[in-house]
């Protein structure tokens, strides 16, 4: 997986399969504001030697059974809350 660090904000905001990730977002645990830390963007490089090349290959996307899982390559933006410091994540898929 390729990772861009937020100190290069322009590059980090361009890494997405869909719309740009926002610089700030609501915290998912409290009423605080979360700031962008980094974005992980999948490439075709294996994650683990025994796995496929993409996160979506690790588990089955089975909403009626075992639950939801990404169905395609994904980008994940990680944020930290300015009030509680807990992480929040946003993602999108190819």
PDB file of N, CA and C in Angstrom:
ATOM      1  N   UNK A   1       0.842  -1.170   0.000  1.00  0.00           N
ATOM      2  CA  UNK A   1       0.000   0.000   0.000  1.00  0.00           C
ATOM      3  C   UNK A   1       0.890   1.236   0.000  1.00  0.00           C
ATOM      4  N   UNK A   2       0.530   2.211  -0.761  1.00  0.00           N
ATOM      5  CA  UNK A   2       1.250   3.475  -0.837  1.00  0.00           C
ATOM      6  C   UNK A   2       0.609   4.442   0.154  1.00  0.00           C
ATOM      7  N   UNK A   3       1.409   5.157   0.945  1.00  0.00           N
ATOM      8  CA  UNK A   3       0.874   6.083   1.937  1.00  0.00           C
ATOM      9  C   UNK A   3       1.465   7.466   1.713  1.00  0.00           C
ATOM     10  N   UNK A   4       0.611   8.484   1.708  1.00  0.00           N
ATOM     11  CA  UNK A   4       1.051   9.871   1.640  1.00  0.00           C
ATOM     12  C   UNK A   4       0.794  10.513   2.989  1.00  0.00           C
ATOM     13  N   UNK A   5       1.743  11.297   3.469  1.00  0.00           N
ATOM     14  CA  UNK A   5       1.616  11.921   4.778  1.00  0.00           C
ATOM     15  C   UNK A   5       1.044  13.331   4.621  1.00  0.00           C
ATOM     16  N   UNK A   6       0.211  13.740   5.579  1.00  0.00           N
ATOM     17  CA  UNK A   6      -0.553  14.982   5.474  1.00  0.00           C
ATOM     18  C   UNK A   6       0.282  16.245   5.442  1.00  0.00           C
ATOM     19  N   UNK A   7       1.546  16.218   5.839  1.00  0.00           N
ATOM     20  CA  UNK A   7       2.313  17.464   5.773  1.00  0.00           C
ATOM     21  C   UNK A   7       2.462  17.934   4.329  1.00  0.00           C
ATOM     22  N   UNK A   8       2.271  17.043   3.366  1.00  0.00           N
ATOM     23  CA  UNK A   8       2.211  17.421   1.957  1.00  0.00           C
ATOM     24  C   UNK A   8       0.730  17.437   1.571  1.00  0.00           C
ATOM     25  N   UNK A   9       0.008  18.433   2.091  1.00  0.00           N
ATOM     26  CA  UNK A   9      -1.450  18.474   1.982  1.00  0.00           C
ATOM     27  C   UNK A   9      -1.944  18.410   0.538  1.00  0.00           C
ATOM     28  N   UNK A  10      -1.290  19.100  -0.370  1.00  0.00           N
ATOM     29  CA  UNK A  10      -1.739  19.104  -1.770  1.00  0.00           C
ATOM     30  C   UNK A  10      -1.709  17.698  -2.362  1.00  0.00           C
ATOM     31  N   UNK A  11      -0.624  16.968  -2.148  1.00  0.00           N
ATOM     32  CA  UNK A  11      -0.516  15.602  -2.663  1.00  0.00           C
ATOM     33  C   UNK A  11      -1.526  14.685  -1.981  1.00  0.00           C
ATOM     34  N   UNK A  12      -1.655  14.807  -0.670  1.00  0.00           N
ATOM     35  CA  UNK A  12      -2.563  13.954   0.082  1.00  0.00           C
ATOM     36  C   UNK A  12      -4.000  14.134  -0.379  1.00  0.00           C
ATOM     37  N   UNK A  13      -4.414  15.353  -0.649  1.00  0.00           N
ATOM     38  CA  UNK A  13      -5.799  15.615  -1.063  1.00  0.00           C
ATOM     39  C   UNK A  13      -6.082  15.090  -2.465  1.00  0.00           C
ATOM     40  N   UNK A  14      -5.062  14.909  -3.301  1.00  0.00           N
ATOM     41  CA  UNK A  14      -5.267  14.386  -4.662  1.00  0.00           C
ATOM     42  C   UNK A  14      -5.371  12.867  -4.691  1.00  0.00           C
ATOM     43  N   UNK A  15      -4.946  12.199  -3.640  1.00  0.00           N
ATOM     44  CA  UNK A  15      -4.937  10.740  -3.630  1.00  0.00           C
ATOM     45  C   UNK A  15      -6.313  10.237  -3.243  1.00  0.00           C
ATOM     46  N   UNK A  16      -7.061   9.817  -4.231  1.00  0.00           N
ATOM     47  CA  UNK A  16      -8.420   9.345  -4.010  1.00  0.00           C
ATOM     48  C   UNK A  16      -8.921   8.706  -5.299  1.00  0.00           C
ATOM     49  N   UNK A  17      -9.777   7.708  -5.161  1.00  0.00           N
ATOM     50  CA  UNK A  17     -10.417   7.139  -6.340  1.00  0.00           C
ATOM     51  C   UNK A  17     -11.636   7.954  -6.751  1.00  0.00           C
ATOM     52  N   UNK A  18     -12.125   8.807  -5.853  1.00  0.00           N
ATOM     53  CA  UNK A  18     -13.320   9.598  -6.135  1.00  0.00           C
ATOM     54  C   UNK A  18     -13.023  11.053  -5.798  1.00  0.00           C
ATOM     55  N   UNK A  19     -13.884  11.729  -5.052  1.00  0.00           N
ATOM     56  CA  UNK A  19     -13.665  13.126  -4.685  1.00  0.00           C
ATOM     57  C   UNK A  19     -12.506  13.239  -3.697  1.00  0.00           C
ATOM     58  N   UNK A  20     -11.897  14.424  -3.637  1.00  0.00           N
ATOM     59  CA  UNK A  20     -10.821  14.664  -2.676  1.00  0.00           C
ATOM     60  C   UNK A  20     -11.333  14.468  -1.258  1.00  0.00           C
ATOM     61  N   UNK A  21     -10.463  14.010  -0.379  1.00  0.00           N
ATOM     62  CA  UNK A  21     -10.809  13.913   1.031  1.00  0.00           C
ATOM     63  C   UNK A  21     -10.745  15.316   1.635  1.00  0.00           C
ATOM     64  N   UNK A  22     -11.673  15.656   2.528  1.00  0.00           N
ATOM     65  CA  UNK A  22     -11.627  16.977   3.154  1.00  0.00           C
ATOM     66  C   UNK A  22     -10.459  17.075   4.138  1.00  0.00           C
ATOM     67  N   UNK A  23     -10.010  18.284   4.409  1.00  0.00           N
ATOM     68  CA  UNK A  23      -8.931  18.515   5.368  1.00  0.00           C
ATOM     69  C   UNK A  23      -9.417  18.276   6.790  1.00  0.00           C
ATOM     70  N   UNK A  24     -10.688  18.590   7.069  1.00  0.00           N
ATOM     71  CA  UNK A  24     -11.286  18.319   8.373  1.00  0.00           C
ATOM     72  C   UNK A  24     -12.611  17.581   8.179  1.00  0.00           C
ATOM     73  N   UNK A  25     -13.007  16.830   9.196  1.00  0.00           N
ATOM     74  CA  UNK A  25     -14.292  16.132   9.194  1.00  0.00           C
ATOM     75  C   UNK A  25     -14.767  16.021  10.637  1.00  0.00           C
ATOM     76  N   UNK A  26     -16.025  15.669  10.837  1.00  0.00           N
ATOM     77  CA  UNK A  26     -16.555  15.481  12.186  1.00  0.00           C
ATOM     78  C   UNK A  26     -15.939  14.234  12.813  1.00  0.00           C
ATOM     79  N   UNK A  27     -15.668  14.308  14.099  1.00  0.00           N
ATOM     80  CA  UNK A  27     -15.198  13.140  14.833  1.00  0.00           C
ATOM     81  C   UNK A  27     -16.328  12.114  14.886  1.00  0.00           C
ATOM     82  N   UNK A  28     -15.987  10.836  14.753  1.00  0.00           N
ATOM     83  CA  UNK A  28     -17.009   9.784  14.791  1.00  0.00           C
ATOM     84  C   UNK A  28     -17.328   9.348  16.226  1.00  0.00           C
ATOM     85  N   UNK A  29     -16.638   9.904  17.233  1.00  0.00           N
ATOM     86  CA  UNK A  29     -16.857   9.498  18.619  1.00  0.00           C
ATOM     87  C   UNK A  29     -17.375  10.612  19.532  1.00  0.00           C
ATOM     88  N   UNK A  30     -17.096  11.864  19.190  1.00  0.00           N
ATOM     89  CA  UNK A  30     -17.563  12.977  20.012  1.00  0.00           C
ATOM     90  C   UNK A  30     -17.980  14.113  19.079  1.00  0.00           C
ATOM     91  N   UNK A  31     -18.260  15.267  19.625  1.00  0.00           N
ATOM     92  CA  UNK A  31     -18.685  16.391  18.782  1.00  0.00           C
ATOM     93  C   UNK A  31     -17.513  17.230  18.284  1.00  0.00           C
ATOM     94  N   UNK A  32     -16.297  16.704  18.409  1.00  0.00           N
ATOM     95  CA  UNK A  32     -15.095  17.425  18.010  1.00  0.00           C
ATOM     96  C   UNK A  32     -14.858  17.457  16.512  1.00  0.00           C
ATOM     97  N   UNK A  33     -13.797  18.147  16.141  1.00  0.00           N
ATOM     98  CA  UNK A  33     -13.362  18.274  14.755  1.00  0.00           C
ATOM     99  C   UNK A  33     -12.106  17.431  14.569  1.00  0.00           C
ATOM    100  N   UNK A  34     -12.068  16.642  13.511  1.00  0.00           N
ATOM    101  CA  UNK A  34     -10.917  15.789  13.228  1.00  0.00           C
ATOM    102  C   UNK A  34     -10.139  16.331  12.040  1.00  0.00           C
ATOM    103  N   UNK A  35      -8.808  16.356  12.177  1.00  0.00           N
ATOM    104  CA  UNK A  35      -7.930  16.873  11.123  1.00  0.00           C
ATOM    105  C   UNK A  35      -7.229  15.728  10.403  1.00  0.00           C
ATOM    106  N   UNK A  36      -7.059  15.891   9.104  1.00  0.00           N
ATOM    107  CA  UNK A  36      -6.432  14.880   8.259  1.00  0.00           C
ATOM    108  C   UNK A  36      -4.995  14.616   8.688  1.00  0.00           C
ATOM    109  N   UNK A  37      -4.650  13.337   8.872  1.00  0.00           N
ATOM    110  CA  UNK A  37      -3.286  12.939   9.232  1.00  0.00           C
ATOM    111  C   UNK A  37      -2.571  12.334   8.026  1.00  0.00           C
ATOM    112  N   UNK A  38      -3.211  11.336   7.370  1.00  0.00           N
ATOM    113  CA  UNK A  38      -2.613  10.722   6.192  1.00  0.00           C
ATOM    114  C   UNK A  38      -3.666   9.979   5.394  1.00  0.00           C
ATOM    115  N   UNK A  39      -3.303   9.650   4.151  1.00  0.00           N
ATOM    116  CA  UNK A  39      -4.169   8.874   3.272  1.00  0.00           C
ATOM    117  C   UNK A  39      -3.400   7.654   2.799  1.00  0.00           C
ATOM    118  N   UNK A  40      -4.021   6.485   2.894  1.00  0.00           N
ATOM    119  CA  UNK A  40      -3.459   5.256   2.347  1.00  0.00           C
ATOM    120  C   UNK A  40      -4.154   4.951   1.031  1.00  0.00           C
ATOM    121  N   UNK A  41      -3.372   4.699  -0.004  1.00  0.00           N
ATOM    122  CA  UNK A  41      -3.909   4.436  -1.344  1.00  0.00           C
ATOM    123  C   UNK A  41      -3.388   3.091  -1.821  1.00  0.00           C
ATOM    124  N   UNK A  42      -4.286   2.173  -2.143  1.00  0.00           N
ATOM    125  CA  UNK A  42      -3.865   0.841  -2.577  1.00  0.00           C
ATOM    126  C   UNK A  42      -3.216   0.863  -3.948  1.00  0.00           C
ATOM    127  N   UNK A  43      -2.183   0.059  -4.061  1.00  0.00           N
ATOM    128  CA  UNK A  43      -1.583  -0.247  -5.354  1.00  0.00           C
ATOM    129  C   UNK A  43      -1.702  -1.752  -5.525  1.00  0.00           C
ATOM    130  N   UNK A  44      -1.157  -2.306  -6.567  1.00  0.00           N
ATOM    131  CA  UNK A  44      -1.225  -3.739  -6.807  1.00  0.00           C
ATOM    132  C   UNK A  44      -0.202  -4.544  -6.033  1.00  0.00           C
ATOM    133  N   UNK A  45       0.559  -3.906  -5.146  1.00  0.00           N
ATOM    134  CA  UNK A  45       1.579  -4.618  -4.386  1.00  0.00           C
ATOM    135  C   UNK A  45       0.925  -5.459  -3.296  1.00  0.00           C
ATOM    136  N   UNK A  46       1.362  -6.708  -3.082  1.00  0.00           N
ATOM    137  CA  UNK A  46       0.757  -7.560  -2.046  1.00  0.00           C
ATOM    138  C   UNK A  46       0.842  -6.935  -0.663  1.00  0.00           C
ATOM    139  N   UNK A  47      -0.217  -7.088   0.126  1.00  0.00           N
ATOM    140  CA  UNK A  47      -0.259  -6.602   1.503  1.00  0.00           C
ATOM    141  C   UNK A  47       0.486  -7.588   2.395  1.00  0.00           C
ATOM    142  N   UNK A  48       0.162  -8.845   2.266  1.00  0.00           N
ATOM    143  CA  UNK A  48       0.827  -9.931   2.978  1.00  0.00           C
ATOM    144  C   UNK A  48       1.215 -10.988   1.941  1.00  0.00           C
ATOM    145  N   UNK A  49       2.301 -11.714   2.170  1.00  0.00           N
ATOM    146  CA  UNK A  49       2.708 -12.722   1.183  1.00  0.00           C
ATOM    147  C   UNK A  49       1.615 -13.741   0.858  1.00  0.00           C
ATOM    148  N   UNK A  50       0.768 -14.064   1.845  1.00  0.00           N
ATOM    149  CA  UNK A  50      -0.249 -15.089   1.632  1.00  0.00           C
ATOM    150  C   UNK A  50      -1.580 -14.518   1.136  1.00  0.00           C
ATOM    151  N   UNK A  51      -1.658 -13.201   0.964  1.00  0.00           N
ATOM    152  CA  UNK A  51      -2.933 -12.593   0.582  1.00  0.00           C
ATOM    153  C   UNK A  51      -2.931 -12.214  -0.889  1.00  0.00           C
ATOM    154  N   UNK A  52      -4.062 -11.722  -1.331  1.00  0.00           N
ATOM    155  CA  UNK A  52      -4.155 -11.150  -2.664  1.00  0.00           C
ATOM    156  C   UNK A  52      -3.500  -9.784  -2.665  1.00  0.00           C
ATOM    157  N   UNK A  53      -3.633  -9.073  -3.747  1.00  0.00           N
ATOM    158  CA  UNK A  53      -2.998  -7.774  -3.873  1.00  0.00           C
ATOM    159  C   UNK A  53      -3.813  -6.636  -3.290  1.00  0.00           C
ATOM    160  N   UNK A  54      -5.083  -6.844  -2.994  1.00  0.00           N
ATOM    161  CA  UNK A  54      -5.944  -5.765  -2.542  1.00  0.00           C
ATOM    162  C   UNK A  54      -6.686  -6.125  -1.260  1.00  0.00           C
ATOM    163  N   UNK A  55      -7.044  -5.104  -0.480  1.00  0.00           N
ATOM    164  CA  UNK A  55      -7.785  -5.311   0.760  1.00  0.00           C
ATOM    165  C   UNK A  55      -9.091  -6.043   0.499  1.00  0.00           C
ATOM    166  N   UNK A  56      -9.753  -5.736  -0.616  1.00  0.00           N
ATOM    167  CA  UNK A  56     -11.057  -6.377  -0.859  1.00  0.00           C
ATOM    168  C   UNK A  56     -10.942  -7.896  -1.042  1.00  0.00           C
ATOM    169  N   UNK A  57      -9.739  -8.395  -1.251  1.00  0.00           N
ATOM    170  CA  UNK A  57      -9.540  -9.835  -1.398  1.00  0.00           C
ATOM    171  C   UNK A  57      -9.352 -10.549  -0.057  1.00  0.00           C
ATOM    172  N   UNK A  58      -9.229  -9.798   1.036  1.00  0.00           N
ATOM    173  CA  UNK A  58      -9.005 -10.413   2.342  1.00  0.00           C
ATOM    174  C   UNK A  58     -10.257 -11.071   2.910  1.00  0.00           C
ATOM    175  N   UNK A  59     -11.431 -10.491   2.614  1.00  0.00           N
ATOM    176  CA  UNK A  59     -12.703 -11.016   3.108  1.00  0.00           C
ATOM    177  C   UNK A  59     -13.755 -10.854   2.021  1.00  0.00           C
ATOM    178  N   UNK A  60     -14.831 -11.612   2.139  1.00  0.00           N
ATOM    179  CA  UNK A  60     -15.934 -11.534   1.193  1.00  0.00           C
ATOM    180  C   UNK A  60     -16.886 -10.405   1.592  1.00  0.00           C
ATOM    181  N   UNK A  61     -17.356  -9.630   0.634  1.00  0.00           N
ATOM    182  CA  UNK A  61     -18.402  -8.637   0.875  1.00  0.00           C
ATOM    183  C   UNK A  61     -19.722  -9.390   0.857  1.00  0.00           C
ATOM    184  N   UNK A  62     -20.273  -9.636   2.046  1.00  0.00           N
ATOM    185  CA  UNK A  62     -21.448 -10.498   2.190  1.00  0.00           C
ATOM    186  C   UNK A  62     -22.460  -9.842   3.135  1.00  0.00           C
ATOM    187  N   UNK A  63     -23.182  -8.791   2.668  1.00  0.00           N
ATOM    188  CA  UNK A  63     -24.107  -8.071   3.533  1.00  0.00           C
ATOM    189  C   UNK A  63     -25.173  -8.944   4.184  1.00  0.00           C
ATOM    190  N   UNK A  64     -25.601 -10.001   3.534  1.00  0.00           N
ATOM    191  CA  UNK A  64     -26.656 -10.860   4.078  1.00  0.00           C
ATOM    192  C   UNK A  64     -26.114 -11.932   5.016  1.00  0.00           C
ATOM    193  N   UNK A  65     -24.794 -12.082   5.084  1.00  0.00           N
ATOM    194  CA  UNK A  65     -24.200 -13.126   5.919  1.00  0.00           C
ATOM    195  C   UNK A  65     -23.174 -12.555   6.884  1.00  0.00           C
ATOM    196  N   UNK A  66     -21.899 -12.599   6.500  1.00  0.00           N
ATOM    197  CA  UNK A  66     -20.813 -12.187   7.382  1.00  0.00           C
ATOM    198  C   UNK A  66     -20.640 -10.677   7.482  1.00  0.00           C
ATOM    199  N   UNK A  67     -21.296  -9.914   6.631  1.00  0.00           N
ATOM    200  CA  UNK A  67     -21.236  -8.455   6.734  1.00  0.00           C
ATOM    201  C   UNK A  67     -20.556  -7.778   5.558  1.00  0.00           C
ATOM    202  N   UNK A  68     -20.533  -6.466   5.639  1.00  0.00           N
ATOM    203  CA  UNK A  68     -19.964  -5.644   4.577  1.00  0.00           C
ATOM    204  C   UNK A  68     -18.443  -5.652   4.599  1.00  0.00           C
ATOM    205  N   UNK A  69     -17.864  -5.503   3.418  1.00  0.00           N
ATOM    206  CA  UNK A  69     -16.416  -5.370   3.235  1.00  0.00           C
ATOM    207  C   UNK A  69     -16.222  -4.647   1.909  1.00  0.00           C
ATOM    208  N   UNK A  70     -15.134  -3.873   1.747  1.00  0.00           N
ATOM    209  CA  UNK A  70     -14.923  -3.200   0.456  1.00  0.00           C
ATOM    210  C   UNK A  70     -14.973  -4.194  -0.708  1.00  0.00           C
ATOM    211  N   UNK A  71     -15.532  -3.746  -1.814  1.00  0.00           N
ATOM    212  CA  UNK A  71     -15.674  -4.617  -2.979  1.00  0.00           C
ATOM    213  C   UNK A  71     -14.643  -4.320  -4.062  1.00  0.00           C
ATOM    214  N   UNK A  72     -13.783  -3.309  -3.852  1.00  0.00           N
ATOM    215  CA  UNK A  72     -12.807  -2.902  -4.858  1.00  0.00           C
ATOM    216  C   UNK A  72     -11.620  -2.269  -4.150  1.00  0.00           C
ATOM    217  N   UNK A  73     -10.592  -1.899  -4.912  1.00  0.00           N
ATOM    218  CA  UNK A  73      -9.442  -1.202  -4.340  1.00  0.00           C
ATOM    219  C   UNK A  73      -9.937   0.043  -3.608  1.00  0.00           C
ATOM    220  N   UNK A  74      -9.258   0.420  -2.518  1.00  0.00           N
ATOM    221  CA  UNK A  74      -9.752   1.557  -1.742  1.00  0.00           C
ATOM    222  C   UNK A  74      -8.637   2.513  -1.328  1.00  0.00           C
ATOM    223  N   UNK A  75      -9.079   3.712  -0.968  1.00  0.00           N
ATOM    224  CA  UNK A  75      -8.241   4.743  -0.360  1.00  0.00           C
ATOM    225  C   UNK A  75      -8.852   5.034   0.998  1.00  0.00           C
ATOM    226  N   UNK A  76      -8.011   5.184   2.027  1.00  0.00           N
ATOM    227  CA  UNK A  76      -8.498   5.450   3.373  1.00  0.00           C
ATOM    228  C   UNK A  76      -7.787   6.680   3.920  1.00  0.00           C
ATOM    229  N   UNK A  77      -8.577   7.660   4.356  1.00  0.00           N
ATOM    230  CA  UNK A  77      -8.040   8.863   4.994  1.00  0.00           C
ATOM    231  C   UNK A  77      -8.225   8.726   6.495  1.00  0.00           C
ATOM    232  N   UNK A  78      -7.164   8.952   7.251  1.00  0.00           N
ATOM    233  CA  UNK A  78      -7.200   8.845   8.713  1.00  0.00           C
ATOM    234  C   UNK A  78      -7.086  10.250   9.304  1.00  0.00           C
ATOM    235  N   UNK A  79      -7.973  10.525  10.258  1.00  0.00           N
ATOM    236  CA  UNK A  79      -8.054  11.827  10.913  1.00  0.00           C
ATOM    237  C   UNK A  79      -7.906  11.632  12.419  1.00  0.00           C
ATOM    238  N   UNK A  80      -7.430  12.676  13.126  1.00  0.00           N
ATOM    239  CA  UNK A  80      -7.377  12.651  14.588  1.00  0.00           C
ATOM    240  C   UNK A  80      -8.168  13.829  15.129  1.00  0.00           C
ATOM    241  N   UNK A  81      -8.987  13.559  16.147  1.00  0.00           N
ATOM    242  CA  UNK A  81      -9.866  14.558  16.731  1.00  0.00           C
ATOM    243  C   UNK A  81      -9.076  15.545  17.593  1.00  0.00           C
ATOM    244  N   UNK A  82      -9.407  16.820  17.465  1.00  0.00           N
ATOM    245  CA  UNK A  82      -8.740  17.849  18.260  1.00  0.00           C
ATOM    246  C   UNK A  82      -9.268  17.896  19.693  1.00  0.00           C
ATOM    247  N   UNK A  83     -10.381  17.207  19.964  1.00  0.00           N
ATOM    248  CA  UNK A  83     -10.959  17.212  21.309  1.00  0.00           C
ATOM    249  C   UNK A  83     -10.636  15.934  22.082  1.00  0.00           C
ATOM    250  N   UNK A  84     -10.799  14.760  21.458  1.00  0.00           N
ATOM    251  CA  UNK A  84     -10.587  13.494  22.177  1.00  0.00           C
ATOM    252  C   UNK A  84      -9.390  12.694  21.637  1.00  0.00           C
ATOM    253  N   UNK A  85      -8.812  13.119  20.541  1.00  0.00           N
ATOM    254  CA  UNK A  85      -7.650  12.504  19.891  1.00  0.00           C
ATOM    255  C   UNK A  85      -7.917  11.101  19.341  1.00  0.00           C
ATOM    256  N   UNK A  86      -9.166  10.679  19.306  1.00  0.00           N
ATOM    257  CA  UNK A  86      -9.494   9.372  18.732  1.00  0.00           C
ATOM    258  C   UNK A  86      -9.470   9.471  17.199  1.00  0.00           C
ATOM    259  N   UNK A  87      -9.135   8.372  16.513  1.00  0.00           N
ATOM    260  CA  UNK A  87      -9.097   8.403  15.051  1.00  0.00           C
ATOM    261  C   UNK A  87     -10.488   8.282  14.431  1.00  0.00           C
ATOM    262  N   UNK A  88     -10.638   8.920  13.301  1.00  0.00           N
ATOM    263  CA  UNK A  88     -11.801   8.808  12.442  1.00  0.00           C
ATOM    264  C   UNK A  88     -11.270   8.487  11.062  1.00  0.00           C
ATOM    265  N   UNK A  89     -11.956   7.676  10.305  1.00  0.00           N
ATOM    266  CA  UNK A  89     -11.503   7.335   8.952  1.00  0.00           C
ATOM    267  C   UNK A  89     -12.626   7.546   7.944  1.00  0.00           C
ATOM    268  N   UNK A  90     -12.256   8.025   6.775  1.00  0.00           N
ATOM    269  CA  UNK A  90     -13.144   8.094   5.617  1.00  0.00           C
ATOM    270  C   UNK A  90     -12.482   7.264   4.538  1.00  0.00           C
ATOM    271  N   UNK A  91     -13.270   6.652   3.655  1.00  0.00           N
ATOM    272  CA  UNK A  91     -12.677   5.868   2.584  1.00  0.00           C
ATOM    273  C   UNK A  91     -13.531   5.982   1.335  1.00  0.00           C
ATOM    274  N   UNK A  92     -12.945   5.600   0.228  1.00  0.00           N
ATOM    275  CA  UNK A  92     -13.700   5.419  -1.013  1.00  0.00           C
ATOM    276  C   UNK A  92     -13.071   4.296  -1.802  1.00  0.00           C
ATOM    277  N   UNK A  93     -13.784   3.843  -2.832  1.00  0.00           N
ATOM    278  CA  UNK A  93     -13.355   2.688  -3.616  1.00  0.00           C
ATOM    279  C   UNK A  93     -13.231   3.057  -5.083  1.00  0.00           C
ATOM    280  N   UNK A  94     -12.435   2.275  -5.783  1.00  0.00           N
ATOM    281  CA  UNK A  94     -12.232   2.502  -7.213  1.00  0.00           C
ATOM    282  C   UNK A  94     -13.524   2.274  -7.970  1.00  0.00           C
TER     283      UNK A  94
END
